[in-house]
Amino acid sequence: MNIINKMWFSLTVLLLTVWACLADVAHSEERMKRSVSASRLASLRSKRMVGGTLAPHVPWQAMVYISDSVLDGGYAGGALISDRWVLTAGRNLFVRKSRQDIHGKDPVIPKVYLGISQRAEADASKEVAVERVVLHPGFQNQSDWDNDLALIQLKVPVVMSNKVTPIPLPERGHDLADTVGGSGVITGWGWGIHLTPAASLKHLVLPLANHSD
């Protein structure tokens, strides 16, 4: 468990720069309209970034896949942080995402794809086998969004290339205050402007701020 504890150490700073890698699942607009009220859609929408433009290739981007349909778990983003670990949101590993729905349930073992920027590229040649998933020990301890983190361990080390490489992590002891006032790039698959499925990776550049208080 030591390696897992060390990985949690750097996640606060990492999340400031790659938060949208934890983007919510893509979904089918037609099925969503049949099953989710407009008020709930607005509530879900308020938890996520809106907009973005097509992203260039992001070599540490992962797709964490359960299903094409949000009703069956959907798919979301993650970040390759070493040759055998992917960081994602804990709720991305469940079919239903709320604390009430997740309580008492085990996470799903997802498919993971690396080296892609388009949903259509997620095929067997880009899939990496998953060994296990590890939820943050305080995952959803008080609300849907508390400690919304998970690590996915891959069965074999990833072969690095110009298409697939881990995200540059902050060094141990890095001062968070040094990053405040700078800019961070967030990437992910999410909801389109009309709540349509996101087939392409998007990105935004946002100012960094300290929200630890």
C-alpha atoms as a PDB file:
ATOM      1  CA  MET A   1       0.000   0.000   0.000  1.00  0.00           C
ATOM      2  CA  ASN A   2       2.991   2.335   0.282  1.00  0.00           C
ATOM      3  CA  ILE A   3       2.981   3.199  -3.421  1.00  0.00           C
ATOM      4  CA  ILE A   4      -0.707   4.100  -3.201  1.00  0.00           C
ATOM      5  CA  ASN A   5      -0.140   6.395  -0.221  1.00  0.00           C
ATOM      6  CA  LYS A   6       2.668   8.194  -2.067  1.00  0.00           C
ATOM      7  CA  MET A   7       0.429   8.760  -5.067  1.00  0.00           C
ATOM      8  CA  TRP A   8      -2.286  10.429  -2.972  1.00  0.00           C
ATOM      9  CA  PHE A   9       0.370  12.918  -1.750  1.00  0.00           C
ATOM     10  CA  SER A  10       0.530  14.797  -5.074  1.00  0.00           C
ATOM     11  CA  LEU A  11      -3.121  14.757  -6.070  1.00  0.00           C
ATOM     12  CA  THR A  12      -4.116  18.235  -4.771  1.00  0.00           C
ATOM     13  CA  VAL A  13      -1.753  20.040  -7.138  1.00  0.00           C
ATOM     14  CA  LEU A  14      -2.385  17.579  -9.942  1.00  0.00           C
ATOM     15  CA  LEU A  15      -6.108  18.199  -9.829  1.00  0.00           C
ATOM     16  CA  LEU A  16      -5.599  21.934 -10.330  1.00  0.00           C
ATOM     17  CA  THR A  17      -3.984  21.241 -13.690  1.00  0.00           C
ATOM     18  CA  VAL A  18      -5.965  18.267 -14.979  1.00  0.00           C
ATOM     19  CA  TRP A  19      -9.382  18.532 -13.340  1.00  0.00           C
ATOM     20  CA  ALA A  20     -11.293  17.926 -16.529  1.00  0.00           C
ATOM     21  CA  CYS A  21      -9.504  14.619 -16.943  1.00  0.00           C
ATOM     22  CA  LEU A  22     -12.005  13.684 -14.303  1.00  0.00           C
ATOM     23  CA  ALA A  23     -14.790  14.892 -16.565  1.00  0.00           C
ATOM     24  CA  ASP A  24     -18.210  13.344 -16.252  1.00  0.00           C
ATOM     25  CA  VAL A  25     -19.362  10.601 -18.619  1.00  0.00           C
ATOM     26  CA  ALA A  26     -20.558  11.216 -22.174  1.00  0.00           C
ATOM     27  CA  HIS A  27     -24.167  10.285 -22.790  1.00  0.00           C
ATOM     28  CA  SER A  28     -27.057   9.898 -25.198  1.00  0.00           C
ATOM     29  CA  GLU A  29     -29.214  13.038 -25.349  1.00  0.00           C
ATOM     30  CA  GLU A  30     -32.353  11.228 -26.382  1.00  0.00           C
ATOM     31  CA  ARG A  31     -32.181   8.620 -23.608  1.00  0.00           C
ATOM     32  CA  MET A  32     -31.139  11.225 -21.058  1.00  0.00           C
ATOM     33  CA  LYS A  33     -34.202  13.362 -21.829  1.00  0.00           C
ATOM     34  CA  ARG A  34     -36.442  10.363 -21.255  1.00  0.00           C
ATOM     35  CA  SER A  35     -34.908   9.471 -17.901  1.00  0.00           C
ATOM     36  CA  VAL A  36     -33.652  12.629 -16.195  1.00  0.00           C
ATOM     37  CA  SER A  37     -35.667  15.750 -15.392  1.00  0.00           C
ATOM     38  CA  ALA A  38     -34.643  19.163 -16.666  1.00  0.00           C
ATOM     39  CA  SER A  39     -33.979  20.372 -13.131  1.00  0.00           C
ATOM     40  CA  ARG A  40     -31.612  17.481 -12.429  1.00  0.00           C
ATOM     41  CA  LEU A  41     -29.803  18.093 -15.718  1.00  0.00           C
ATOM     42  CA  ALA A  42     -29.227  21.695 -14.656  1.00  0.00           C
ATOM     43  CA  SER A  43     -27.886  20.519 -11.309  1.00  0.00           C
ATOM     44  CA  LEU A  44     -25.490  18.047 -12.922  1.00  0.00           C
ATOM     45  CA  ARG A  45     -24.410  20.623 -15.464  1.00  0.00           C
ATOM     46  CA  SER A  46     -23.468  23.109 -12.731  1.00  0.00           C
ATOM     47  CA  LYS A  47     -20.858  20.696 -11.372  1.00  0.00           C
ATOM     48  CA  ARG A  48     -18.821  20.720 -14.586  1.00  0.00           C
ATOM     49  CA  MET A  49     -16.949  23.063 -16.873  1.00  0.00           C
ATOM     50  CA  VAL A  50     -18.852  24.291 -19.926  1.00  0.00           C
ATOM     51  CA  GLY A  51     -17.382  24.844 -23.368  1.00  0.00           C
ATOM     52  CA  GLY A  52     -13.868  24.146 -24.551  1.00  0.00           C
ATOM     53  CA  THR A  53     -12.288  23.604 -27.938  1.00  0.00           C
ATOM     54  CA  LEU A  54     -10.858  20.572 -29.672  1.00  0.00           C
ATOM     55  CA  ALA A  55      -7.743  19.459 -27.825  1.00  0.00           C
ATOM     56  CA  PRO A  56      -4.418  18.623 -29.444  1.00  0.00           C
ATOM     57  CA  HIS A  57      -3.116  15.138 -28.741  1.00  0.00           C
ATOM     58  CA  VAL A  58      -2.625  14.728 -24.984  1.00  0.00           C
ATOM     59  CA  PRO A  59      -0.225  11.809 -24.373  1.00  0.00           C
ATOM     60  CA  TRP A  60      -1.301  11.217 -20.750  1.00  0.00           C
ATOM     61  CA  GLN A  61      -5.040  11.290 -21.512  1.00  0.00           C
ATOM     62  CA  ALA A  62      -6.939   8.113 -20.681  1.00  0.00           C
ATOM     63  CA  MET A  63     -10.491   7.121 -21.473  1.00  0.00           C
ATOM     64  CA  VAL A  64     -12.160   5.256 -18.597  1.00  0.00           C
ATOM     65  CA  TYR A  65     -14.975   3.311 -20.235  1.00  0.00           C
ATOM     66  CA  ILE A  66     -17.948   1.413 -18.852  1.00  0.00           C
ATOM     67  CA  SER A  67     -20.562   1.986 -21.573  1.00  0.00           C
ATOM     68  CA  ASP A  68     -21.529   4.320 -24.400  1.00  0.00           C
ATOM     69  CA  SER A  69     -24.721   5.159 -22.503  1.00  0.00           C
ATOM     70  CA  VAL A  70     -24.709   7.219 -19.312  1.00  0.00           C
ATOM     71  CA  LEU A  71     -27.571   5.060 -18.083  1.00  0.00           C
ATOM     72  CA  ASP A  72     -25.204   2.091 -18.090  1.00  0.00           C
ATOM     73  CA  GLY A  73     -22.166   3.883 -16.658  1.00  0.00           C
ATOM     74  CA  GLY A  74     -20.900   5.958 -19.595  1.00  0.00           C
ATOM     75  CA  TYR A  75     -17.263   6.897 -20.138  1.00  0.00           C
ATOM     76  CA  ALA A  76     -15.022   9.625 -18.774  1.00  0.00           C
ATOM     77  CA  GLY A  77     -11.470  10.905 -18.602  1.00  0.00           C
ATOM     78  CA  GLY A  78      -8.413   9.967 -16.604  1.00  0.00           C
ATOM     79  CA  ALA A  79      -4.713  10.781 -16.501  1.00  0.00           C
ATOM     80  CA  LEU A  80      -1.826   8.346 -16.851  1.00  0.00           C
ATOM     81  CA  ILE A  81       0.410   9.212 -13.873  1.00  0.00           C
ATOM     82  CA  SER A  82       2.975   6.399 -14.171  1.00  0.00           C
ATOM     83  CA  ASP A  83       3.565   3.354 -16.341  1.00  0.00           C
ATOM     84  CA  ARG A  84       1.009   1.338 -14.342  1.00  0.00           C
ATOM     85  CA  TRP A  85      -1.409   3.822 -12.766  1.00  0.00           C
ATOM     86  CA  VAL A  86      -4.273   5.974 -14.076  1.00  0.00           C
ATOM     87  CA  LEU A  87      -5.929   8.662 -11.956  1.00  0.00           C
ATOM     88  CA  THR A  88      -9.644   9.310 -12.433  1.00  0.00           C
ATOM     89  CA  ALA A  89     -12.727  10.349 -10.470  1.00  0.00           C
ATOM     90  CA  GLY A  90     -14.069   7.720  -8.122  1.00  0.00           C
ATOM     91  CA  ARG A  91     -17.606   8.192  -9.372  1.00  0.00           C
ATOM     92  CA  ASN A  92     -16.454   7.278 -12.893  1.00  0.00           C
ATOM     93  CA  LEU A  93     -16.225   3.667 -11.688  1.00  0.00           C
ATOM     94  CA  PHE A  94     -19.926   3.315 -10.895  1.00  0.00           C
ATOM     95  CA  VAL A  95     -22.996   3.017 -13.111  1.00  0.00           C
ATOM     96  CA  ARG A  96     -24.953   5.461 -10.948  1.00  0.00           C
ATOM     97  CA  LYS A  97     -22.911   8.402  -9.685  1.00  0.00           C
ATOM     98  CA  SER A  98     -24.588   9.804  -6.564  1.00  0.00           C
ATOM     99  CA  ARG A  99     -23.502   8.989  -3.024  1.00  0.00           C
ATOM    100  CA  GLN A 100     -26.917   7.475  -2.321  1.00  0.00           C
ATOM    101  CA  ASP A 101     -26.696   5.148  -5.343  1.00  0.00           C
ATOM    102  CA  ILE A 102     -23.052   4.200  -4.753  1.00  0.00           C
ATOM    103  CA  HIS A 103     -23.373   3.404  -1.025  1.00  0.00           C
ATOM    104  CA  GLY A 104     -22.698  -0.285  -0.389  1.00  0.00           C
ATOM    105  CA  LYS A 105     -21.689  -1.032  -3.982  1.00  0.00           C
ATOM    106  CA  ASP A 106     -18.309  -2.111  -5.334  1.00  0.00           C
ATOM    107  CA  PRO A 107     -16.698  -0.124  -8.168  1.00  0.00           C
ATOM    108  CA  VAL A 108     -16.856  -1.472 -11.718  1.00  0.00           C
ATOM    109  CA  ILE A 109     -13.626  -2.593 -13.369  1.00  0.00           C
ATOM    110  CA  PRO A 110     -13.615  -0.371 -16.478  1.00  0.00           C
ATOM    111  CA  LYS A 111     -11.911  -0.627 -19.814  1.00  0.00           C
ATOM    112  CA  VAL A 112      -9.058   1.859 -20.213  1.00  0.00           C
ATOM    113  CA  TYR A 113      -7.846   3.295 -23.517  1.00  0.00           C
ATOM    114  CA  LEU A 114      -4.646   5.307 -24.009  1.00  0.00           C
ATOM    115  CA  GLY A 115      -3.267   7.380 -26.862  1.00  0.00           C
ATOM    116  CA  ILE A 116      -6.613   8.523 -28.255  1.00  0.00           C
ATOM    117  CA  SER A 117      -8.367  11.845 -28.841  1.00  0.00           C
ATOM    118  CA  GLN A 118     -11.548  10.528 -30.469  1.00  0.00           C
ATOM    119  CA  ARG A 119     -14.207   8.156 -29.147  1.00  0.00           C
ATOM    120  CA  ALA A 120     -13.959   6.237 -32.441  1.00  0.00           C
ATOM    121  CA  GLU A 121     -10.303   5.426 -31.703  1.00  0.00           C
ATOM    122  CA  ALA A 122     -11.203   3.415 -28.588  1.00  0.00           C
ATOM    123  CA  ASP A 123     -10.629  -0.069 -29.970  1.00  0.00           C
ATOM    124  CA  ALA A 124      -8.749  -3.192 -28.881  1.00  0.00           C
ATOM    125  CA  SER A 125      -5.406  -1.873 -30.141  1.00  0.00           C
ATOM    126  CA  LYS A 126      -5.599   1.089 -27.710  1.00  0.00           C
ATOM    127  CA  GLU A 127      -6.970  -0.812 -24.707  1.00  0.00           C
ATOM    128  CA  VAL A 128      -4.797  -1.561 -21.673  1.00  0.00           C
ATOM    129  CA  ALA A 129      -5.784  -4.322 -19.241  1.00  0.00           C
ATOM    130  CA  VAL A 130      -6.811  -3.349 -15.710  1.00  0.00           C
ATOM    131  CA  GLU A 131      -5.520  -5.163 -12.623  1.00  0.00           C
ATOM    132  CA  ARG A 132      -7.603  -3.409  -9.934  1.00  0.00           C
ATOM    133  CA  VAL A 133      -9.135  -0.119  -8.855  1.00  0.00           C
ATOM    134  CA  VAL A 134      -8.474   1.721  -5.570  1.00  0.00           C
ATOM    135  CA  LEU A 135     -10.920   4.346  -4.282  1.00  0.00           C
ATOM    136  CA  HIS A 136      -9.707   7.217  -2.110  1.00  0.00           C
ATOM    137  CA  PRO A 137     -10.237   6.168   1.541  1.00  0.00           C
ATOM    138  CA  GLY A 138     -12.509   9.186   2.107  1.00  0.00           C
ATOM    139  CA  PHE A 139     -14.461   8.837  -1.147  1.00  0.00           C
ATOM    140  CA  GLN A 140     -17.927  10.450  -0.810  1.00  0.00           C
ATOM    141  CA  ASN A 141     -17.653  10.450   2.981  1.00  0.00           C
ATOM    142  CA  GLN A 142     -19.961  13.472   3.344  1.00  0.00           C
ATOM    143  CA  SER A 143     -21.156  14.485  -0.125  1.00  0.00           C
ATOM    144  CA  ASP A 144     -21.170  13.307  -3.755  1.00  0.00           C
ATOM    145  CA  TRP A 145     -17.973  15.265  -4.417  1.00  0.00           C
ATOM    146  CA  ASP A 146     -15.812  14.543  -1.364  1.00  0.00           C
ATOM    147  CA  ASN A 147     -12.466  12.904  -2.231  1.00  0.00           C
ATOM    148  CA  ASP A 148     -13.800  12.026  -5.666  1.00  0.00           C
ATOM    149  CA  LEU A 149     -10.637  10.175  -6.651  1.00  0.00           C
ATOM    150  CA  ALA A 150      -9.617   6.698  -7.695  1.00  0.00           C
ATOM    151  CA  LEU A 151      -6.495   4.972  -8.936  1.00  0.00           C
ATOM    152  CA  ILE A 152      -6.625   2.307 -11.639  1.00  0.00           C
ATOM    153  CA  GLN A 153      -3.717  -0.137 -11.643  1.00  0.00           C
ATOM    154  CA  LEU A 154      -2.834  -1.615 -15.026  1.00  0.00           C
ATOM    155  CA  LYS A 155      -1.852  -5.262 -15.397  1.00  0.00           C
ATOM    156  CA  VAL A 156       1.378  -4.556 -17.272  1.00  0.00           C
ATOM    157  CA  PRO A 157       3.553  -1.423 -17.608  1.00  0.00           C
ATOM    158  CA  VAL A 158       2.639   0.859 -20.490  1.00  0.00           C
ATOM    159  CA  VAL A 159       5.144   1.101 -23.326  1.00  0.00           C
ATOM    160  CA  MET A 160       5.981   4.796 -23.576  1.00  0.00           C
ATOM    161  CA  SER A 161       6.044   6.677 -26.877  1.00  0.00           C
ATOM    162  CA  ASN A 162       5.324  10.130 -28.263  1.00  0.00           C
ATOM    163  CA  LYS A 163       1.632   9.132 -28.179  1.00  0.00           C
ATOM    164  CA  VAL A 164       1.537   7.760 -24.616  1.00  0.00           C
ATOM    165  CA  THR A 165       3.497   9.164 -21.673  1.00  0.00           C
ATOM    166  CA  PRO A 166       2.640   9.999 -18.025  1.00  0.00           C
ATOM    167  CA  ILE A 167       1.556  13.478 -17.012  1.00  0.00           C
ATOM    168  CA  PRO A 168       4.356  15.552 -15.393  1.00  0.00           C
ATOM    169  CA  LEU A 169       3.582  15.349 -11.665  1.00  0.00           C
ATOM    170  CA  PRO A 170       4.621  17.976  -9.098  1.00  0.00           C
ATOM    171  CA  GLU A 171       7.646  17.049  -7.045  1.00  0.00           C
ATOM    172  CA  ARG A 172       7.282  16.033  -3.399  1.00  0.00           C
ATOM    173  CA  GLY A 173       7.291  19.193  -1.279  1.00  0.00           C
ATOM    174  CA  HIS A 174       6.165  21.397  -4.181  1.00  0.00           C
ATOM    175  CA  ASP A 175       4.618  24.585  -2.772  1.00  0.00           C
ATOM    176  CA  LEU A 176       1.053  24.983  -3.993  1.00  0.00           C
ATOM    177  CA  ALA A 177       1.305  28.751  -3.502  1.00  0.00           C
ATOM    178  CA  ASP A 178       3.877  28.902  -6.312  1.00  0.00           C
ATOM    179  CA  THR A 179       1.254  27.783  -8.834  1.00  0.00           C
ATOM    180  CA  VAL A 180      -1.540  30.173  -7.844  1.00  0.00           C
ATOM    181  CA  GLY A 181      -1.934  32.934 -10.414  1.00  0.00           C
ATOM    182  CA  GLY A 182      -0.623  30.799 -13.239  1.00  0.00           C
ATOM    183  CA  SER A 183      -2.631  28.853 -15.814  1.00  0.00           C
ATOM    184  CA  GLY A 184      -3.637  25.231 -16.101  1.00  0.00           C
ATOM    185  CA  VAL A 185      -4.965  23.163 -18.986  1.00  0.00           C
ATOM    186  CA  ILE A 186      -7.952  20.889 -18.387  1.00  0.00           C
ATOM    187  CA  THR A 187      -9.039  18.204 -20.823  1.00  0.00           C
ATOM    188  CA  GLY A 188     -11.756  15.611 -21.059  1.00  0.00           C
ATOM    189  CA  TRP A 189     -14.816  14.118 -22.679  1.00  0.00           C
ATOM    190  CA  GLY A 190     -18.094  15.467 -21.398  1.00  0.00           C
ATOM    191  CA  TRP A 191     -21.330  17.025 -22.576  1.00  0.00           C
ATOM    192  CA  GLY A 192     -21.588  19.028 -25.782  1.00  0.00           C
ATOM    193  CA  ILE A 193     -23.278  22.405 -26.004  1.00  0.00           C
ATOM    194  CA  HIS A 194     -26.688  20.773 -26.571  1.00  0.00           C
ATOM    195  CA  LEU A 195     -26.060  17.918 -24.099  1.00  0.00           C
ATOM    196  CA  THR A 196     -24.951  15.703 -26.957  1.00  0.00           C
ATOM    197  CA  PRO A 197     -22.312  12.962 -26.633  1.00  0.00           C
ATOM    198  CA  ALA A 198     -18.731  14.227 -26.808  1.00  0.00           C
ATOM    199  CA  ALA A 199     -16.954  12.285 -29.528  1.00  0.00           C
ATOM    200  CA  SER A 200     -13.765  14.370 -29.392  1.00  0.00           C
ATOM    201  CA  LEU A 201     -11.455  15.401 -26.561  1.00  0.00           C
ATOM    202  CA  LYS A 202     -11.889  19.052 -25.515  1.00  0.00           C
ATOM    203  CA  HIS A 203      -9.673  21.416 -23.545  1.00  0.00           C
ATOM    204  CA  LEU A 204      -9.766  24.722 -21.662  1.00  0.00           C
ATOM    205  CA  VAL A 205      -7.068  26.997 -20.222  1.00  0.00           C
ATOM    206  CA  LEU A 206      -8.027  28.331 -16.791  1.00  0.00           C
ATOM    207  CA  PRO A 207      -6.316  30.338 -14.020  1.00  0.00           C
ATOM    208  CA  LEU A 208      -5.076  28.347 -11.029  1.00  0.00           C
ATOM    209  CA  ALA A 209      -6.474  29.129  -7.579  1.00  0.00           C
ATOM    210  CA  ASN A 210      -6.139  27.662  -4.100  1.00  0.00           C
ATOM    211  CA  HIS A 211      -9.481  26.305  -2.879  1.00  0.00           C
ATOM    212  CA  SER A 212      -8.089  24.279   0.026  1.00  0.00           C
ATOM    213  CA  ASP A 213      -9.599  26.561   2.676  1.00  0.00           C
END
